[in-house]
């Protein structure tokens, strides 16, 4: 609810990494690992900002931020085929009006 993200190992109650205020205090409403690249995850905050984290590139800050300005995004899901090395990774965005958008991710964040 405060924008912090914690990365846990299943065998420990303490986080391996913790990023406080990663969204400048906005609540995170969805977070998902990339299906095609294990070091990448995406976070969606309550202000319709999508943060892309690539832990191989930087473990301090997100490597990119994309604001969806037209309408409030209420949730997101990722789509892709992890068993294929074609680098196709998409983000499905559900907007408050019920509209669904699919956007494809740059290959540098999608390739295994």
N, C-alpha and C. Protein backbone atom coordinates (compact mmCIF):
# COMPACT_ATOMS: atom_id res chain seq x y z
N UNK A 1 0.81 -1.21 0.00
CA UNK A 1 0.00 0.00 0.00
C UNK A 1 0.85 1.28 0.00
N UNK A 2 2.15 1.16 0.33
CA UNK A 2 3.01 2.35 0.38
C UNK A 2 4.01 2.42 -0.77
N UNK A 3 3.90 1.48 -1.71
CA UNK A 3 4.80 1.49 -2.86
C UNK A 3 6.09 0.71 -2.65
N UNK A 4 6.23 0.05 -1.53
CA UNK A 4 7.46 -0.73 -1.31
C UNK A 4 7.31 -2.13 -1.92
N UNK A 5 8.44 -2.66 -2.36
CA UNK A 5 8.49 -3.99 -2.97
C UNK A 5 9.53 -4.80 -2.22
N UNK A 6 9.20 -6.04 -1.91
CA UNK A 6 10.15 -6.94 -1.25
C UNK A 6 10.30 -8.22 -2.07
N UNK A 7 11.53 -8.64 -2.23
CA UNK A 7 11.83 -9.90 -2.92
C UNK A 7 12.21 -10.92 -1.86
N UNK A 8 11.44 -11.99 -1.77
CA UNK A 8 11.66 -13.01 -0.75
C UNK A 8 12.12 -14.32 -1.36
N UNK A 9 12.87 -15.05 -0.59
CA UNK A 9 13.20 -16.43 -0.87
C UNK A 9 12.21 -17.26 -0.06
N UNK A 10 11.71 -18.34 -0.62
CA UNK A 10 10.66 -19.12 0.03
C UNK A 10 11.09 -19.68 1.39
N UNK A 11 12.37 -19.82 1.63
CA UNK A 11 12.83 -20.45 2.87
C UNK A 11 13.13 -19.46 3.99
N UNK A 12 12.86 -18.18 3.77
CA UNK A 12 13.19 -17.18 4.79
C UNK A 12 12.07 -16.16 4.91
N UNK A 13 11.83 -15.72 6.14
CA UNK A 13 10.83 -14.68 6.35
C UNK A 13 11.38 -13.29 6.05
N UNK A 14 12.69 -13.15 5.91
CA UNK A 14 13.32 -11.87 5.65
C UNK A 14 13.56 -11.69 4.16
N UNK A 15 13.32 -10.50 3.64
CA UNK A 15 13.50 -10.29 2.20
C UNK A 15 14.98 -10.31 1.78
N UNK A 16 15.22 -10.81 0.56
CA UNK A 16 16.55 -10.74 -0.03
C UNK A 16 16.87 -9.31 -0.44
N UNK A 17 15.86 -8.62 -0.97
CA UNK A 17 15.98 -7.22 -1.41
C UNK A 17 14.69 -6.51 -0.98
N UNK A 18 14.82 -5.22 -0.77
CA UNK A 18 13.65 -4.41 -0.46
C UNK A 18 13.84 -3.04 -1.09
N UNK A 19 12.81 -2.58 -1.79
CA UNK A 19 12.84 -1.27 -2.39
C UNK A 19 11.70 -0.45 -1.77
N UNK A 20 12.06 0.50 -0.93
CA UNK A 20 11.07 1.35 -0.29
C UNK A 20 10.71 2.51 -1.22
N UNK A 21 9.45 2.91 -1.16
CA UNK A 21 8.98 4.07 -1.91
C UNK A 21 9.30 3.96 -3.41
N UNK A 22 9.18 2.76 -3.95
CA UNK A 22 9.53 2.54 -5.36
C UNK A 22 8.58 3.24 -6.32
N UNK A 23 7.40 3.63 -5.83
CA UNK A 23 6.41 4.30 -6.68
C UNK A 23 6.06 5.68 -6.13
N UNK A 24 6.98 6.26 -5.37
CA UNK A 24 6.76 7.57 -4.74
C UNK A 24 5.50 7.57 -3.88
N UNK A 25 5.28 6.46 -3.17
CA UNK A 25 4.16 6.36 -2.24
C UNK A 25 2.86 5.86 -2.80
N UNK A 26 2.75 5.69 -4.11
CA UNK A 26 1.51 5.18 -4.70
C UNK A 26 1.38 3.67 -4.42
N UNK A 27 0.18 3.22 -4.06
CA UNK A 27 -0.01 1.79 -3.84
C UNK A 27 0.24 0.98 -5.11
N UNK A 28 0.81 -0.18 -4.95
CA UNK A 28 1.02 -1.10 -6.07
C UNK A 28 -0.22 -1.98 -6.17
N UNK A 29 -0.83 -2.01 -7.36
CA UNK A 29 -2.05 -2.79 -7.51
C UNK A 29 -1.83 -4.08 -8.28
N UNK A 30 -0.69 -4.20 -8.97
CA UNK A 30 -0.37 -5.45 -9.66
C UNK A 30 1.14 -5.55 -9.82
N UNK A 31 1.66 -6.75 -9.71
CA UNK A 31 3.09 -7.00 -9.89
C UNK A 31 3.23 -8.40 -10.47
N UNK A 32 4.04 -8.53 -11.52
CA UNK A 32 4.20 -9.85 -12.14
C UNK A 32 5.57 -9.98 -12.77
N UNK A 33 6.15 -11.17 -12.63
CA UNK A 33 7.42 -11.49 -13.28
C UNK A 33 7.18 -11.69 -14.77
N UNK A 34 8.16 -11.32 -15.58
CA UNK A 34 8.09 -11.57 -17.02
C UNK A 34 8.08 -13.08 -17.25
N UNK A 35 7.31 -13.51 -18.20
CA UNK A 35 7.21 -14.94 -18.50
C UNK A 35 8.40 -15.44 -19.31
N UNK A 36 9.07 -14.54 -20.01
CA UNK A 36 10.13 -14.96 -20.92
C UNK A 36 11.53 -14.59 -20.44
N UNK A 37 11.63 -13.76 -19.42
CA UNK A 37 12.94 -13.32 -18.92
C UNK A 37 12.87 -13.26 -17.39
N UNK A 38 13.46 -14.22 -16.70
CA UNK A 38 13.29 -14.35 -15.26
C UNK A 38 13.78 -13.18 -14.40
N UNK A 39 14.64 -12.34 -14.89
CA UNK A 39 15.17 -11.24 -14.08
C UNK A 39 14.33 -9.96 -14.20
N UNK A 40 13.24 -10.01 -14.93
CA UNK A 40 12.43 -8.82 -15.19
C UNK A 40 11.06 -8.97 -14.55
N UNK A 41 10.62 -7.90 -13.87
CA UNK A 41 9.24 -7.88 -13.38
C UNK A 41 8.64 -6.50 -13.62
N UNK A 42 7.32 -6.46 -13.60
CA UNK A 42 6.55 -5.26 -13.89
C UNK A 42 5.65 -4.95 -12.69
N UNK A 43 5.56 -3.68 -12.35
CA UNK A 43 4.68 -3.24 -11.27
C UNK A 43 3.77 -2.14 -11.81
N UNK A 44 2.51 -2.21 -11.44
CA UNK A 44 1.52 -1.21 -11.81
C UNK A 44 1.07 -0.51 -10.54
N UNK A 45 1.14 0.84 -10.52
CA UNK A 45 0.70 1.56 -9.34
C UNK A 45 -0.71 2.15 -9.55
N UNK A 46 -1.26 2.70 -8.50
CA UNK A 46 -2.63 3.22 -8.51
C UNK A 46 -2.80 4.44 -9.40
N UNK A 47 -1.70 5.06 -9.85
CA UNK A 47 -1.78 6.21 -10.75
C UNK A 47 -1.56 5.82 -12.21
N UNK A 48 -1.70 4.54 -12.52
CA UNK A 48 -1.56 4.02 -13.89
C UNK A 48 -0.15 4.16 -14.44
N UNK A 49 0.85 4.02 -13.58
CA UNK A 49 2.25 3.98 -14.01
C UNK A 49 2.72 2.53 -13.99
N UNK A 50 3.41 2.13 -15.05
CA UNK A 50 4.00 0.80 -15.10
C UNK A 50 5.50 0.96 -14.94
N UNK A 51 6.06 0.24 -13.99
CA UNK A 51 7.50 0.26 -13.72
C UNK A 51 8.09 -1.05 -14.20
N UNK A 52 9.17 -0.97 -14.96
CA UNK A 52 9.86 -2.16 -15.45
C UNK A 52 11.17 -2.28 -14.68
N UNK A 53 11.34 -3.42 -14.03
CA UNK A 53 12.55 -3.71 -13.27
C UNK A 53 13.31 -4.81 -13.99
N UNK A 54 14.55 -4.59 -14.32
CA UNK A 54 15.43 -5.62 -14.87
C UNK A 54 16.59 -5.76 -13.89
N UNK A 55 16.56 -6.78 -13.07
CA UNK A 55 17.55 -6.93 -12.01
C UNK A 55 18.95 -7.21 -12.53
N UNK A 56 19.07 -7.64 -13.79
CA UNK A 56 20.40 -7.82 -14.39
C UNK A 56 21.01 -6.48 -14.80
N UNK A 57 20.15 -5.50 -15.06
CA UNK A 57 20.63 -4.17 -15.45
C UNK A 57 20.82 -3.26 -14.24
N UNK A 58 19.86 -3.30 -13.31
CA UNK A 58 19.96 -2.47 -12.10
C UNK A 58 19.09 -3.09 -11.01
N UNK A 59 19.67 -3.24 -9.83
CA UNK A 59 18.86 -3.72 -8.72
C UNK A 59 18.55 -2.59 -7.73
N UNK A 60 18.77 -1.36 -8.16
CA UNK A 60 18.49 -0.20 -7.31
C UNK A 60 17.18 0.49 -7.67
N UNK A 61 16.91 0.62 -8.96
CA UNK A 61 15.76 1.39 -9.45
C UNK A 61 15.15 0.68 -10.65
N UNK A 62 13.91 1.01 -10.98
CA UNK A 62 13.34 0.48 -12.22
C UNK A 62 14.13 1.00 -13.42
N UNK A 63 14.22 0.21 -14.48
CA UNK A 63 14.95 0.63 -15.68
C UNK A 63 14.07 1.47 -16.60
N UNK A 64 12.75 1.43 -16.38
CA UNK A 64 11.85 2.24 -17.20
C UNK A 64 10.53 2.44 -16.45
N UNK A 65 9.87 3.53 -16.83
CA UNK A 65 8.54 3.83 -16.29
C UNK A 65 7.68 4.32 -17.44
N UNK A 66 6.48 3.79 -17.53
CA UNK A 66 5.55 4.20 -18.58
C UNK A 66 4.23 4.60 -17.93
N UNK A 67 3.79 5.81 -18.19
CA UNK A 67 2.50 6.27 -17.68
C UNK A 67 1.44 6.04 -18.74
N UNK A 68 0.31 5.52 -18.33
CA UNK A 68 -0.84 5.35 -19.22
C UNK A 68 -1.78 6.52 -18.94
N UNK A 69 -1.72 7.57 -19.78
CA UNK A 69 -2.40 8.83 -19.44
C UNK A 69 -3.90 8.87 -19.74
N UNK A 70 -4.38 8.07 -20.65
CA UNK A 70 -5.73 8.27 -21.15
C UNK A 70 -6.82 7.90 -20.15
N UNK A 71 -6.59 6.86 -19.37
CA UNK A 71 -7.64 6.38 -18.48
C UNK A 71 -7.01 5.51 -17.39
N UNK A 72 -7.64 5.45 -16.24
CA UNK A 72 -7.11 4.68 -15.11
C UNK A 72 -7.04 3.19 -15.46
N UNK A 73 -5.88 2.60 -15.21
CA UNK A 73 -5.68 1.16 -15.40
C UNK A 73 -5.94 0.49 -14.07
N UNK A 74 -6.82 -0.52 -14.06
CA UNK A 74 -7.20 -1.16 -12.80
C UNK A 74 -6.42 -2.44 -12.53
N UNK A 75 -5.90 -3.08 -13.57
CA UNK A 75 -5.05 -4.26 -13.37
C UNK A 75 -4.28 -4.55 -14.66
N UNK A 76 -3.31 -5.44 -14.53
CA UNK A 76 -2.52 -5.84 -15.69
C UNK A 76 -2.20 -7.32 -15.56
N UNK A 77 -1.88 -7.92 -16.70
CA UNK A 77 -1.40 -9.30 -16.75
C UNK A 77 -0.39 -9.38 -17.88
N UNK A 78 0.54 -10.30 -17.77
CA UNK A 78 1.54 -10.49 -18.82
C UNK A 78 1.19 -11.71 -19.64
N UNK A 79 1.53 -11.65 -20.91
CA UNK A 79 1.33 -12.81 -21.77
C UNK A 79 2.60 -13.05 -22.56
N UNK A 80 2.87 -14.30 -22.81
CA UNK A 80 4.06 -14.71 -23.55
C UNK A 80 4.18 -16.21 -23.49
N UNK A 81 5.16 -16.71 -24.23
CA UNK A 81 5.38 -18.16 -24.28
C UNK A 81 6.79 -18.45 -23.79
N UNK A 82 6.95 -18.80 -22.52
CA UNK A 82 8.29 -19.00 -21.97
C UNK A 82 9.09 -20.10 -22.66
N UNK A 83 8.39 -21.06 -23.27
CA UNK A 83 9.11 -22.15 -23.92
C UNK A 83 9.65 -21.77 -25.30
N UNK A 84 9.26 -20.62 -25.81
CA UNK A 84 9.76 -20.14 -27.10
C UNK A 84 10.72 -18.99 -26.89
N UNK A 85 11.79 -18.96 -27.66
CA UNK A 85 12.81 -17.92 -27.53
C UNK A 85 12.60 -16.77 -28.51
N UNK A 86 11.34 -16.51 -28.90
CA UNK A 86 11.07 -15.45 -29.88
C UNK A 86 11.03 -14.06 -29.27
N UNK A 87 11.03 -13.98 -27.94
CA UNK A 87 11.08 -12.68 -27.29
C UNK A 87 9.78 -11.90 -27.32
N UNK A 88 8.66 -12.56 -27.58
CA UNK A 88 7.38 -11.86 -27.56
C UNK A 88 6.83 -11.87 -26.14
N UNK A 89 6.62 -10.67 -25.61
CA UNK A 89 6.07 -10.51 -24.29
C UNK A 89 5.11 -9.33 -24.35
N UNK A 90 3.89 -9.54 -23.89
CA UNK A 90 2.90 -8.48 -23.93
C UNK A 90 2.35 -8.18 -22.55
N UNK A 91 1.84 -6.97 -22.42
CA UNK A 91 1.16 -6.56 -21.20
C UNK A 91 -0.30 -6.29 -21.56
N UNK A 92 -1.18 -6.95 -20.86
CA UNK A 92 -2.61 -6.72 -21.03
C UNK A 92 -3.04 -5.75 -19.92
N UNK A 93 -3.62 -4.64 -20.33
CA UNK A 93 -4.06 -3.61 -19.39
C UNK A 93 -5.58 -3.53 -19.39
N UNK A 94 -6.18 -3.65 -18.21
CA UNK A 94 -7.63 -3.50 -18.08
C UNK A 94 -7.90 -2.11 -17.51
N UNK A 95 -8.68 -1.34 -18.26
CA UNK A 95 -8.97 0.04 -17.86
C UNK A 95 -10.31 0.12 -17.14
N UNK A 96 -10.49 1.22 -16.43
CA UNK A 96 -11.68 1.42 -15.62
C UNK A 96 -12.97 1.33 -16.44
N UNK A 97 -12.94 1.72 -17.70
CA UNK A 97 -14.12 1.67 -18.56
C UNK A 97 -14.46 0.27 -19.03
N UNK A 98 -13.57 -0.68 -18.79
CA UNK A 98 -13.76 -2.04 -19.29
C UNK A 98 -12.96 -2.33 -20.54
N UNK A 99 -12.32 -1.31 -21.10
CA UNK A 99 -11.49 -1.48 -22.29
C UNK A 99 -10.23 -2.27 -21.94
N UNK A 100 -9.82 -3.12 -22.85
CA UNK A 100 -8.59 -3.92 -22.69
C UNK A 100 -7.60 -3.49 -23.75
N UNK A 101 -6.37 -3.19 -23.34
CA UNK A 101 -5.29 -2.86 -24.28
C UNK A 101 -4.20 -3.90 -24.14
N UNK A 102 -3.56 -4.24 -25.25
CA UNK A 102 -2.39 -5.11 -25.23
C UNK A 102 -1.23 -4.33 -25.82
N UNK A 103 -0.15 -4.25 -25.07
CA UNK A 103 1.05 -3.57 -25.54
C UNK A 103 2.19 -4.56 -25.48
N UNK A 104 3.06 -4.51 -26.49
CA UNK A 104 4.21 -5.41 -26.51
C UNK A 104 5.42 -4.72 -25.90
N UNK A 105 6.22 -5.51 -25.22
CA UNK A 105 7.40 -5.03 -24.50
C UNK A 105 8.61 -5.08 -25.43
N UNK A 106 9.51 -4.11 -25.27
CA UNK A 106 10.73 -4.11 -26.05
C UNK A 106 11.48 -5.42 -25.86
N UNK A 107 12.11 -5.87 -26.93
CA UNK A 107 12.79 -7.17 -26.89
C UNK A 107 13.87 -7.25 -25.83
N UNK A 108 14.52 -6.12 -25.50
CA UNK A 108 15.60 -6.18 -24.51
C UNK A 108 15.10 -6.58 -23.13
N UNK A 109 13.80 -6.42 -22.87
CA UNK A 109 13.23 -6.85 -21.59
C UNK A 109 12.45 -8.15 -21.73
N UNK A 110 12.39 -8.70 -22.93
CA UNK A 110 11.60 -9.89 -23.16
C UNK A 110 12.43 -11.11 -23.54
N UNK A 111 13.58 -10.90 -24.20
CA UNK A 111 14.38 -12.05 -24.64
C UNK A 111 15.00 -12.78 -23.46
N UNK A 112 15.01 -14.11 -23.53
CA UNK A 112 15.61 -14.89 -22.42
C UNK A 112 17.10 -14.63 -22.28
